[in-house]
N, C-alpha and C. Protein backbone atom coordinates (compact mmCIF):
# COMPACT_ATOMS: atom_id res chain seq x y z
N MET A 1 38.59 -17.59 6.08
CA MET A 1 37.05 -17.68 5.81
C MET A 1 35.71 -17.50 6.30
N CYS A 2 34.56 -16.86 5.91
CA CYS A 2 33.54 -17.02 6.73
C CYS A 2 32.30 -17.92 5.82
N PHE A 3 31.67 -18.57 7.21
CA PHE A 3 30.28 -19.85 6.38
C PHE A 3 29.37 -18.53 6.95
N TYR A 4 28.13 -18.71 5.99
CA TYR A 4 27.44 -17.89 6.52
C TYR A 4 26.24 -19.07 6.40
N ILE A 5 25.38 -19.12 7.11
CA ILE A 5 24.64 -20.46 7.77
C ILE A 5 23.58 -19.56 7.55
N GLY A 6 22.43 -19.81 6.38
CA GLY A 6 20.96 -19.35 6.81
C GLY A 6 20.16 -20.31 6.99
N ILE A 7 19.13 -20.31 7.29
CA ILE A 7 17.94 -20.16 7.75
C ILE A 7 17.14 -21.43 6.86
N GLU A 8 17.55 -21.18 5.93
CA GLU A 8 17.14 -22.45 4.78
C GLU A 8 18.45 -24.11 4.74
N ASP A 9 19.50 -23.86 4.93
CA ASP A 9 20.44 -24.26 5.01
C ASP A 9 19.87 -25.49 6.27
N LEU A 10 20.08 -24.50 7.59
CA LEU A 10 19.92 -24.89 9.04
C LEU A 10 18.09 -25.79 9.03
N ALA A 11 17.29 -25.17 8.34
CA ALA A 11 15.83 -26.17 8.06
C ALA A 11 15.70 -27.40 7.32
N ALA A 12 16.24 -27.28 6.74
CA ALA A 12 17.17 -28.33 5.54
C ALA A 12 17.71 -29.43 6.19
N ASN A 13 18.69 -28.82 6.35
CA ASN A 13 19.41 -30.72 7.54
C ASN A 13 18.98 -30.95 8.60
N ALA A 14 18.24 -29.66 9.24
CA ALA A 14 17.14 -30.79 10.26
C ALA A 14 16.36 -31.93 10.04
N LEU A 15 16.34 -31.68 8.91
CA LEU A 15 14.46 -32.03 8.93
C LEU A 15 15.41 -33.27 7.74
N ILE A 16 16.59 -33.44 7.74
CA ILE A 16 17.30 -34.49 6.88
C ILE A 16 17.49 -35.02 8.35
N VAL A 17 18.07 -35.12 9.12
CA VAL A 17 18.44 -35.21 10.06
C VAL A 17 17.48 -35.74 10.66
N ALA A 18 16.14 -35.38 11.10
CA ALA A 18 14.54 -36.25 11.87
C ALA A 18 14.06 -36.54 11.59
N MET A 19 13.54 -36.22 9.63
CA MET A 19 13.26 -37.84 9.16
C MET A 19 13.95 -38.31 9.15
N THR A 20 15.64 -38.64 9.22
CA THR A 20 16.00 -40.14 9.04
C THR A 20 15.93 -41.40 9.39
N LYS A 21 16.58 -40.23 11.00
CA LYS A 21 17.02 -40.33 12.22
C LYS A 21 16.15 -40.36 13.07
N LEU A 22 14.84 -39.53 12.87
CA LEU A 22 13.93 -39.52 14.61
C LEU A 22 12.42 -40.01 13.53
N GLU A 23 12.95 -39.75 12.83
CA GLU A 23 11.22 -40.47 12.16
C GLU A 23 10.23 -39.64 12.28
N ARG A 24 10.08 -38.49 12.10
CA ARG A 24 10.15 -36.98 12.37
C ARG A 24 9.40 -35.97 11.03
N ASN A 25 8.37 -35.34 10.66
CA ASN A 25 9.19 -34.60 8.88
C ASN A 25 8.67 -33.14 9.48
N TYR A 26 9.35 -33.22 11.03
CA TYR A 26 9.13 -31.29 11.02
C TYR A 26 10.63 -31.34 12.45
N VAL A 27 11.01 -29.60 12.69
CA VAL A 27 11.66 -29.11 13.16
C VAL A 27 11.05 -27.62 14.08
N THR A 28 11.20 -27.50 15.25
CA THR A 28 10.22 -26.12 16.14
C THR A 28 11.70 -25.57 15.51
N TYR A 29 11.41 -24.42 15.58
CA TYR A 29 12.47 -23.18 15.73
C TYR A 29 12.59 -23.26 16.92
N ARG A 30 13.27 -23.34 17.67
CA ARG A 30 13.66 -23.87 19.38
C ARG A 30 15.03 -24.95 18.88
N GLU A 31 14.45 -25.64 18.84
CA GLU A 31 14.98 -26.77 18.14
C GLU A 31 15.96 -26.33 17.15
N LEU A 32 15.36 -25.73 15.79
CA LEU A 32 16.69 -25.00 14.78
C LEU A 32 18.05 -23.73 15.43
N GLU A 33 17.37 -23.52 16.27
CA GLU A 33 17.84 -22.41 16.42
C GLU A 33 19.42 -23.24 18.12
N ASP A 34 18.76 -23.63 18.11
CA ASP A 34 19.92 -24.78 19.48
C ASP A 34 21.01 -25.45 18.23
N TYR A 35 20.17 -26.18 17.12
CA TYR A 35 21.09 -26.34 16.59
C TYR A 35 21.58 -26.29 15.46
N GLY A 36 21.33 -24.65 15.65
CA GLY A 36 22.48 -23.71 14.96
C GLY A 36 23.52 -23.30 15.36
N THR A 37 23.53 -23.15 16.79
CA THR A 37 23.82 -22.50 17.49
C THR A 37 25.12 -23.86 17.76
N ARG A 38 25.04 -25.12 17.98
CA ARG A 38 25.07 -25.75 17.89
C ARG A 38 26.73 -26.89 16.29
N VAL A 39 26.44 -26.58 15.58
CA VAL A 39 27.01 -26.50 14.06
C VAL A 39 27.88 -25.14 14.90
N VAL A 40 27.42 -24.46 14.75
CA VAL A 40 28.24 -22.42 15.00
C VAL A 40 29.63 -22.72 15.45
N LYS A 41 29.81 -22.82 16.98
CA LYS A 41 30.45 -23.72 17.04
C LYS A 41 31.45 -25.02 17.74
N LEU A 42 30.86 -26.09 16.24
CA LEU A 42 31.53 -26.51 16.03
C LEU A 42 32.37 -26.02 15.04
N LEU A 43 31.90 -25.27 13.81
CA LEU A 43 32.95 -25.16 13.00
C LEU A 43 33.38 -24.03 13.77
N ASN A 44 34.01 -22.89 14.75
CA ASN A 44 34.38 -22.70 15.79
C ASN A 44 35.24 -23.11 16.66
N SER A 45 35.63 -24.20 17.43
CA SER A 45 36.44 -25.04 17.71
C SER A 45 37.31 -25.55 16.39
N LYS A 46 36.93 -25.42 15.02
CA LYS A 46 37.82 -25.89 14.44
C LYS A 46 39.15 -24.73 13.88
N GLY A 47 38.34 -23.96 13.83
CA GLY A 47 39.38 -22.43 13.74
C GLY A 47 38.34 -21.66 12.48
N GLU A 48 37.28 -21.67 12.12
CA GLU A 48 36.61 -22.00 11.57
C GLU A 48 35.82 -20.87 11.73
N LYS A 49 35.03 -20.02 10.62
CA LYS A 49 34.23 -18.82 11.65
C LYS A 49 32.88 -18.94 11.00
N ALA A 50 31.74 -18.64 11.66
CA ALA A 50 30.84 -19.27 10.71
C ALA A 50 29.67 -17.59 11.62
N VAL A 51 28.31 -17.51 10.88
CA VAL A 51 27.96 -16.95 11.28
C VAL A 51 25.99 -17.68 10.93
N LEU A 52 25.04 -17.67 11.80
CA LEU A 52 23.70 -17.80 11.71
C LEU A 52 23.45 -16.41 10.70
N LEU A 53 22.61 -16.58 10.04
CA LEU A 53 21.54 -15.68 9.80
C LEU A 53 20.15 -16.17 9.99
N LEU A 54 19.63 -15.37 10.92
CA LEU A 54 18.40 -16.32 11.72
C LEU A 54 17.54 -14.66 11.81
N SER A 55 16.95 -14.09 11.45
CA SER A 55 15.72 -13.86 11.75
C SER A 55 13.83 -13.73 11.00
N ARG A 56 13.90 -13.25 10.93
CA ARG A 56 11.74 -12.83 11.09
C ARG A 56 11.66 -13.38 10.04
N ASP A 57 13.29 -12.01 9.31
CA ASP A 57 12.67 -11.65 7.54
C ASP A 57 13.32 -12.85 6.29
N ASN A 58 14.57 -12.98 7.22
CA ASN A 58 15.12 -14.63 6.66
C ASN A 58 14.43 -15.56 6.62
N THR A 59 12.95 -15.65 7.77
CA THR A 59 11.99 -16.93 7.80
C THR A 59 11.24 -17.21 6.83
N ASN A 60 10.72 -16.35 6.35
CA ASN A 60 9.47 -15.17 5.72
C ASN A 60 10.36 -15.44 4.67
N ALA A 61 11.34 -15.18 4.12
CA ALA A 61 12.33 -15.08 2.50
C ALA A 61 12.46 -17.08 2.39
N MET A 62 12.65 -17.56 3.71
CA MET A 62 13.05 -19.02 2.94
C MET A 62 11.08 -19.99 2.63
N PHE A 63 10.23 -19.30 3.92
CA PHE A 63 9.14 -19.84 2.64
C PHE A 63 8.65 -19.32 1.58
N ARG A 64 9.14 -17.88 1.14
CA ARG A 64 8.30 -17.59 -0.02
C ARG A 64 9.20 -18.09 -0.84
N ASN A 65 11.20 -17.93 -0.94
CA ASN A 65 11.55 -18.29 -1.91
C ASN A 65 11.91 -20.59 -2.31
N TYR A 66 10.99 -20.75 -0.80
CA TYR A 66 11.49 -22.51 -1.50
C TYR A 66 10.04 -23.24 -0.72
N SER A 67 9.30 -22.47 -0.77
CA SER A 67 7.84 -22.67 -0.26
C SER A 67 7.83 -24.42 -1.45
N ASP A 68 8.27 -24.79 -2.42
CA ASP A 68 7.99 -25.73 -3.07
C ASP A 68 8.23 -26.61 -1.73
N PHE A 69 9.58 -27.01 -0.85
CA PHE A 69 9.88 -27.37 -0.03
C PHE A 69 9.45 -27.26 2.05
N PHE A 70 9.59 -25.88 1.99
CA PHE A 70 8.85 -25.53 3.83
C PHE A 70 7.69 -25.43 4.00
N VAL A 71 6.75 -25.81 4.67
CA VAL A 71 5.85 -25.28 5.49
C VAL A 71 6.04 -24.40 6.98
N GLU A 72 5.18 -24.10 7.11
CA GLU A 72 5.24 -23.78 9.02
C GLU A 72 3.78 -24.44 9.24
N THR A 73 4.00 -25.26 10.85
CA THR A 73 3.07 -25.79 11.09
C THR A 73 1.71 -25.05 11.09
N GLU A 74 1.06 -26.30 11.43
CA GLU A 74 -0.46 -25.04 11.45
C GLU A 74 0.17 -23.85 12.81
N ASP A 75 0.26 -24.45 13.86
CA ASP A 75 0.94 -23.42 15.42
C ASP A 75 1.92 -23.08 15.60
N GLY A 76 2.74 -22.59 13.99
CA GLY A 76 3.15 -21.89 13.84
C GLY A 76 5.00 -22.19 15.10
N GLN A 77 5.32 -23.18 14.95
CA GLN A 77 6.12 -23.92 16.26
C GLN A 77 6.91 -24.58 15.59
N ALA A 78 6.97 -24.56 13.78
CA ALA A 78 7.32 -25.21 13.51
C ALA A 78 8.07 -25.46 12.22
N VAL A 79 8.47 -26.63 11.65
CA VAL A 79 8.95 -26.37 9.75
C VAL A 79 9.08 -26.99 9.17
N ALA A 80 8.10 -27.65 8.75
CA ALA A 80 8.58 -29.53 7.77
C ALA A 80 7.91 -29.57 6.60
N LEU A 81 8.52 -30.44 6.50
CA LEU A 81 9.05 -30.74 4.50
C LEU A 81 7.38 -30.70 4.36
N ALA A 82 6.99 -30.21 3.09
CA ALA A 82 6.23 -30.09 1.76
C ALA A 82 6.45 -30.97 1.85
N GLU A 83 4.58 -31.60 1.67
CA GLU A 83 4.12 -33.52 1.47
C GLU A 83 5.05 -33.62 -0.34
N GLU A 84 4.71 -32.91 -0.88
CA GLU A 84 5.18 -33.84 -2.25
C GLU A 84 6.71 -34.37 -1.84
N LYS A 85 7.31 -33.74 -1.35
CA LYS A 85 8.60 -33.28 -1.37
C LYS A 85 9.37 -34.51 -0.05
N GLN A 86 11.15 -35.25 -1.32
CA GLN A 86 11.46 -36.08 0.14
C GLN A 86 12.31 -36.11 0.70
N VAL A 87 13.34 -36.58 1.23
CA VAL A 87 14.20 -36.50 2.44
C VAL A 87 15.54 -36.32 1.09
N LYS A 88 15.66 -37.04 0.00
CA LYS A 88 16.23 -37.33 -1.06
C LYS A 88 16.22 -36.03 -2.05
N ASP A 89 15.32 -35.12 -2.18
CA ASP A 89 14.81 -34.24 -2.79
C ASP A 89 16.08 -32.86 -2.00
N LEU A 90 15.44 -32.65 -0.50
CA LEU A 90 16.43 -32.14 0.73
C LEU A 90 17.80 -32.86 0.35
N ILE A 91 17.98 -33.81 0.25
CA ILE A 91 19.57 -33.96 -0.28
C ILE A 91 20.43 -33.12 -1.17
N TYR A 92 19.60 -32.98 -2.19
CA TYR A 92 20.51 -32.97 -3.48
C TYR A 92 19.34 -31.71 -3.59
N GLN A 93 19.38 -30.88 -3.22
CA GLN A 93 18.54 -28.74 -3.64
C GLN A 93 19.91 -28.82 -2.15
N PHE A 94 20.50 -28.74 -0.90
CA PHE A 94 20.73 -28.24 0.23
C PHE A 94 22.38 -28.52 1.14
N ARG A 95 22.31 -30.17 -0.03
CA ARG A 95 23.50 -30.66 0.77
C ARG A 95 24.64 -30.01 -0.56
N GLY A 96 24.37 -31.19 -1.89
CA GLY A 96 25.52 -30.42 -2.64
C GLY A 96 26.11 -29.75 -3.58
N TYR A 97 26.22 -28.26 -2.78
CA TYR A 97 26.93 -26.99 -2.22
C TYR A 97 27.81 -26.97 -1.18
N LEU A 98 27.52 -27.59 0.00
CA LEU A 98 28.54 -27.18 1.31
C LEU A 98 29.66 -27.08 1.27
N ALA A 99 30.20 -26.32 1.54
CA ALA A 99 31.46 -27.36 2.27
C ALA A 99 31.52 -28.14 2.82
N LEU A 100 33.28 -29.25 2.72
CA LEU A 100 32.77 -30.31 3.82
C LEU A 100 32.62 -29.38 5.46
N ASP A 101 33.37 -28.93 5.45
CA ASP A 101 34.01 -28.73 7.59
C ASP A 101 31.85 -28.26 8.07
N VAL A 102 31.41 -27.45 7.04
CA VAL A 102 29.85 -27.40 7.58
C VAL A 102 29.01 -28.35 6.84
N LEU A 103 29.04 -29.19 6.03
CA LEU A 103 28.03 -30.34 5.79
C LEU A 103 28.67 -31.08 7.23
N LYS A 104 30.10 -32.08 7.66
CA LYS A 104 30.31 -32.28 8.53
C LYS A 104 29.72 -32.06 10.27
N ALA A 105 29.79 -31.11 9.95
CA ALA A 105 29.31 -30.17 11.52
C ALA A 105 26.92 -30.31 11.66
N PHE A 106 26.81 -29.56 10.48
CA PHE A 106 25.62 -30.73 10.08
C PHE A 106 25.33 -31.95 10.66
N VAL A 107 25.78 -32.66 10.07
CA VAL A 107 25.98 -34.35 11.38
C VAL A 107 25.80 -34.80 12.39
N ASP A 108 27.35 -34.05 13.10
CA ASP A 108 27.81 -34.55 13.70
C ASP A 108 27.17 -34.87 15.04
N ASN A 109 27.01 -35.12 16.13
CA ASN A 109 25.96 -36.17 16.56
C ASN A 109 25.30 -35.10 18.02
N SER A 110 26.95 -34.13 18.70
CA SER A 110 26.59 -32.61 19.29
C SER A 110 25.81 -32.61 19.04
N ALA A 111 25.71 -31.95 17.81
CA ALA A 111 24.60 -31.30 17.40
C ALA A 111 23.01 -31.56 16.49
N ILE A 112 22.90 -32.48 16.61
CA ILE A 112 21.93 -32.91 16.42
C ILE A 112 21.27 -33.97 17.62
N MET A 113 22.14 -33.40 18.74
CA MET A 113 21.03 -33.68 19.87
C MET A 113 20.45 -32.79 20.11
N ALA A 114 20.39 -31.12 19.38
CA ALA A 114 19.90 -30.73 19.49
C ALA A 114 18.30 -30.57 19.44
N LEU A 115 18.16 -31.73 18.03
CA LEU A 115 16.33 -32.41 17.84
C LEU A 115 16.47 -32.75 18.60
N GLY A 116 16.75 -33.47 18.77
CA GLY A 116 16.56 -34.85 18.99
C GLY A 116 16.59 -35.21 21.04
N GLY A 117 17.67 -34.89 22.18
CA GLY A 117 17.43 -35.03 22.94
C GLY A 117 18.80 -36.16 23.54
N LEU A 118 18.99 -37.61 21.85
CA LEU A 118 19.98 -38.13 22.71
C LEU A 118 20.58 -39.05 20.89
N ALA A 119 22.04 -38.85 21.32
CA ALA A 119 22.58 -39.42 19.80
C ALA A 119 22.31 -40.20 19.43
N VAL A 120 22.32 -39.75 18.95
CA VAL A 120 22.19 -41.17 17.35
C VAL A 120 22.89 -41.97 16.20
N GLY A 121 22.74 -42.70 16.40
CA GLY A 121 24.41 -43.58 15.46
C GLY A 121 24.19 -43.33 14.41
């Protein structure tokens, strides 16, 4: 089986971590790329195949299709959670259907380190 990880799942899970453990409501594009790379490496190390679907077209589609969840920061360097949404909304929308292996990779400390630079408990 191969897992295809879209930017919307990556952004949602990164924002869940950022908001619950790092106390901020945004993640930079660089952090997203690093986070996604670590998630893929974790899955690959467990014998699972995974592919990140990151491109400008995918990013534009995310903002178009999930405009009620995601906004781009004014400087154009990060993705933030829309003001009217909360972490529980992200969890309900984006974690309910994830394969357990993918969810475990999203919450693994080695992946989370890409978002904050420190392992969190």
